[in-house]
Amino acid sequence: MIPPTFKCGKCGGSTIIEPQDGPGVCESCCEDHDYLYERYEGYRCVHCHGEPPPDWYDGLDYD
């Protein structure tokens, strides 16, 4: 099965997800990455579905 391809609302490039509240954005056009944990996928940005950079994990509090 081929995954669906959505278009970025800013540059027209392809995006992985299409949010329900409007057009999606690609990882390079995403202005504010907001990472949340998704089961089976780890932390992903809710806007562009991009992965956080390796140093982002240094700020997490695991306690």
C-alpha atoms as a PDB file:
ATOM      1  CA  MET A   1       0.000   0.000   0.000  1.00  0.00           C
ATOM      2  CA  ILE A   2       1.343   3.415  -0.984  1.00  0.00           C
ATOM      3  CA  PRO A   3       1.042   6.080   1.739  1.00  0.00           C
ATOM      4  CA  PRO A   4      -1.087   9.113   0.808  1.00  0.00           C
ATOM      5  CA  THR A   5       0.719  12.260  -0.299  1.00  0.00           C
ATOM      6  CA  PHE A   6      -0.518  15.609   0.945  1.00  0.00           C
ATOM      7  CA  LYS A   7       0.701  19.043  -0.150  1.00  0.00           C
ATOM      8  CA  CYS A   8       2.331  21.694   2.044  1.00  0.00           C
ATOM      9  CA  GLY A   9       0.143  24.785   2.419  1.00  0.00           C
ATOM     10  CA  LYS A  10       3.213  27.056   2.133  1.00  0.00           C
ATOM     11  CA  CYS A  11       5.593  25.660  -0.495  1.00  0.00           C
ATOM     12  CA  GLY A  12       3.497  22.985  -2.224  1.00  0.00           C
ATOM     13  CA  GLY A  13       5.929  20.185  -1.354  1.00  0.00           C
ATOM     14  CA  SER A  14       4.703  16.847  -0.048  1.00  0.00           C
ATOM     15  CA  THR A  15       3.798  16.324   3.596  1.00  0.00           C
ATOM     16  CA  ILE A  16       3.329  13.164   5.620  1.00  0.00           C
ATOM     17  CA  ILE A  17       0.145  14.201   7.421  1.00  0.00           C
ATOM     18  CA  GLU A  18      -2.853  16.397   6.694  1.00  0.00           C
ATOM     19  CA  PRO A  19      -4.201  17.962   9.897  1.00  0.00           C
ATOM     20  CA  GLN A  20      -7.946  18.268  10.338  1.00  0.00           C
ATOM     21  CA  ASP A  21      -7.762  21.997  11.124  1.00  0.00           C
ATOM     22  CA  GLY A  22      -6.311  23.155   7.811  1.00  0.00           C
ATOM     23  CA  PRO A  23      -3.577  22.471   5.274  1.00  0.00           C
ATOM     24  CA  GLY A  24      -0.475  20.649   6.439  1.00  0.00           C
ATOM     25  CA  VAL A  25       3.076  21.919   6.355  1.00  0.00           C
ATOM     26  CA  CYS A  26       6.285  20.148   5.415  1.00  0.00           C
ATOM     27  CA  GLU A  27       9.107  19.782   7.917  1.00  0.00           C
ATOM     28  CA  SER A  28      11.151  22.633   6.423  1.00  0.00           C
ATOM     29  CA  CYS A  29       8.194  25.086   6.450  1.00  0.00           C
ATOM     30  CA  CYS A  30       7.045  24.206   9.986  1.00  0.00           C
ATOM     31  CA  GLU A  31       7.543  27.346  12.072  1.00  0.00           C
ATOM     32  CA  ASP A  32       6.888  25.895  15.524  1.00  0.00           C
ATOM     33  CA  HIS A  33       7.718  22.244  16.098  1.00  0.00           C
ATOM     34  CA  ASP A  34       5.540  20.872  18.902  1.00  0.00           C
ATOM     35  CA  TYR A  35       6.689  17.348  19.721  1.00  0.00           C
ATOM     36  CA  LEU A  36       4.311  14.906  21.366  1.00  0.00           C
ATOM     37  CA  TYR A  37       4.773  11.206  22.011  1.00  0.00           C
ATOM     38  CA  GLU A  38       2.890   8.918  19.633  1.00  0.00           C
ATOM     39  CA  ARG A  39       2.584   5.262  20.484  1.00  0.00           C
ATOM     40  CA  TYR A  40       4.715   3.057  18.225  1.00  0.00           C
ATOM     41  CA  GLU A  41       6.283   6.107  16.529  1.00  0.00           C
ATOM     42  CA  GLY A  42       8.018   8.000  19.354  1.00  0.00           C
ATOM     43  CA  TYR A  43       8.073  11.783  19.547  1.00  0.00           C
ATOM     44  CA  ARG A  44       6.732  13.550  16.450  1.00  0.00           C
ATOM     45  CA  CYS A  45       5.756  17.125  15.631  1.00  0.00           C
ATOM     46  CA  VAL A  46       1.981  17.555  15.622  1.00  0.00           C
ATOM     47  CA  HIS A  47       2.199  20.000  12.694  1.00  0.00           C
ATOM     48  CA  CYS A  48       4.587  18.298  10.259  1.00  0.00           C
ATOM     49  CA  HIS A  49       5.155  14.830  11.798  1.00  0.00           C
ATOM     50  CA  GLY A  50       8.911  15.461  11.819  1.00  0.00           C
ATOM     51  CA  GLU A  51      11.257  13.850  14.334  1.00  0.00           C
ATOM     52  CA  PRO A  52      12.982  16.014  16.958  1.00  0.00           C
ATOM     53  CA  PRO A  53      16.723  16.639  16.666  1.00  0.00           C
ATOM     54  CA  PRO A  54      18.931  14.429  18.883  1.00  0.00           C
ATOM     55  CA  ASP A  55      19.708  17.243  21.341  1.00  0.00           C
ATOM     56  CA  TRP A  56      15.976  17.853  21.958  1.00  0.00           C
ATOM     57  CA  TYR A  57      15.878  14.727  24.134  1.00  0.00           C
ATOM     58  CA  ASP A  58      18.420  16.299  26.544  1.00  0.00           C
ATOM     59  CA  GLY A  59      15.695  18.630  27.881  1.00  0.00           C
ATOM     60  CA  LEU A  60      13.236  15.861  28.798  1.00  0.00           C
ATOM     61  CA  ASP A  61      12.594  15.076  32.457  1.00  0.00           C
ATOM     62  CA  TYR A  62      12.179  11.309  32.816  1.00  0.00           C
ATOM     63  CA  ASP A  63      11.426  11.364  36.560  1.00  0.00           C
END
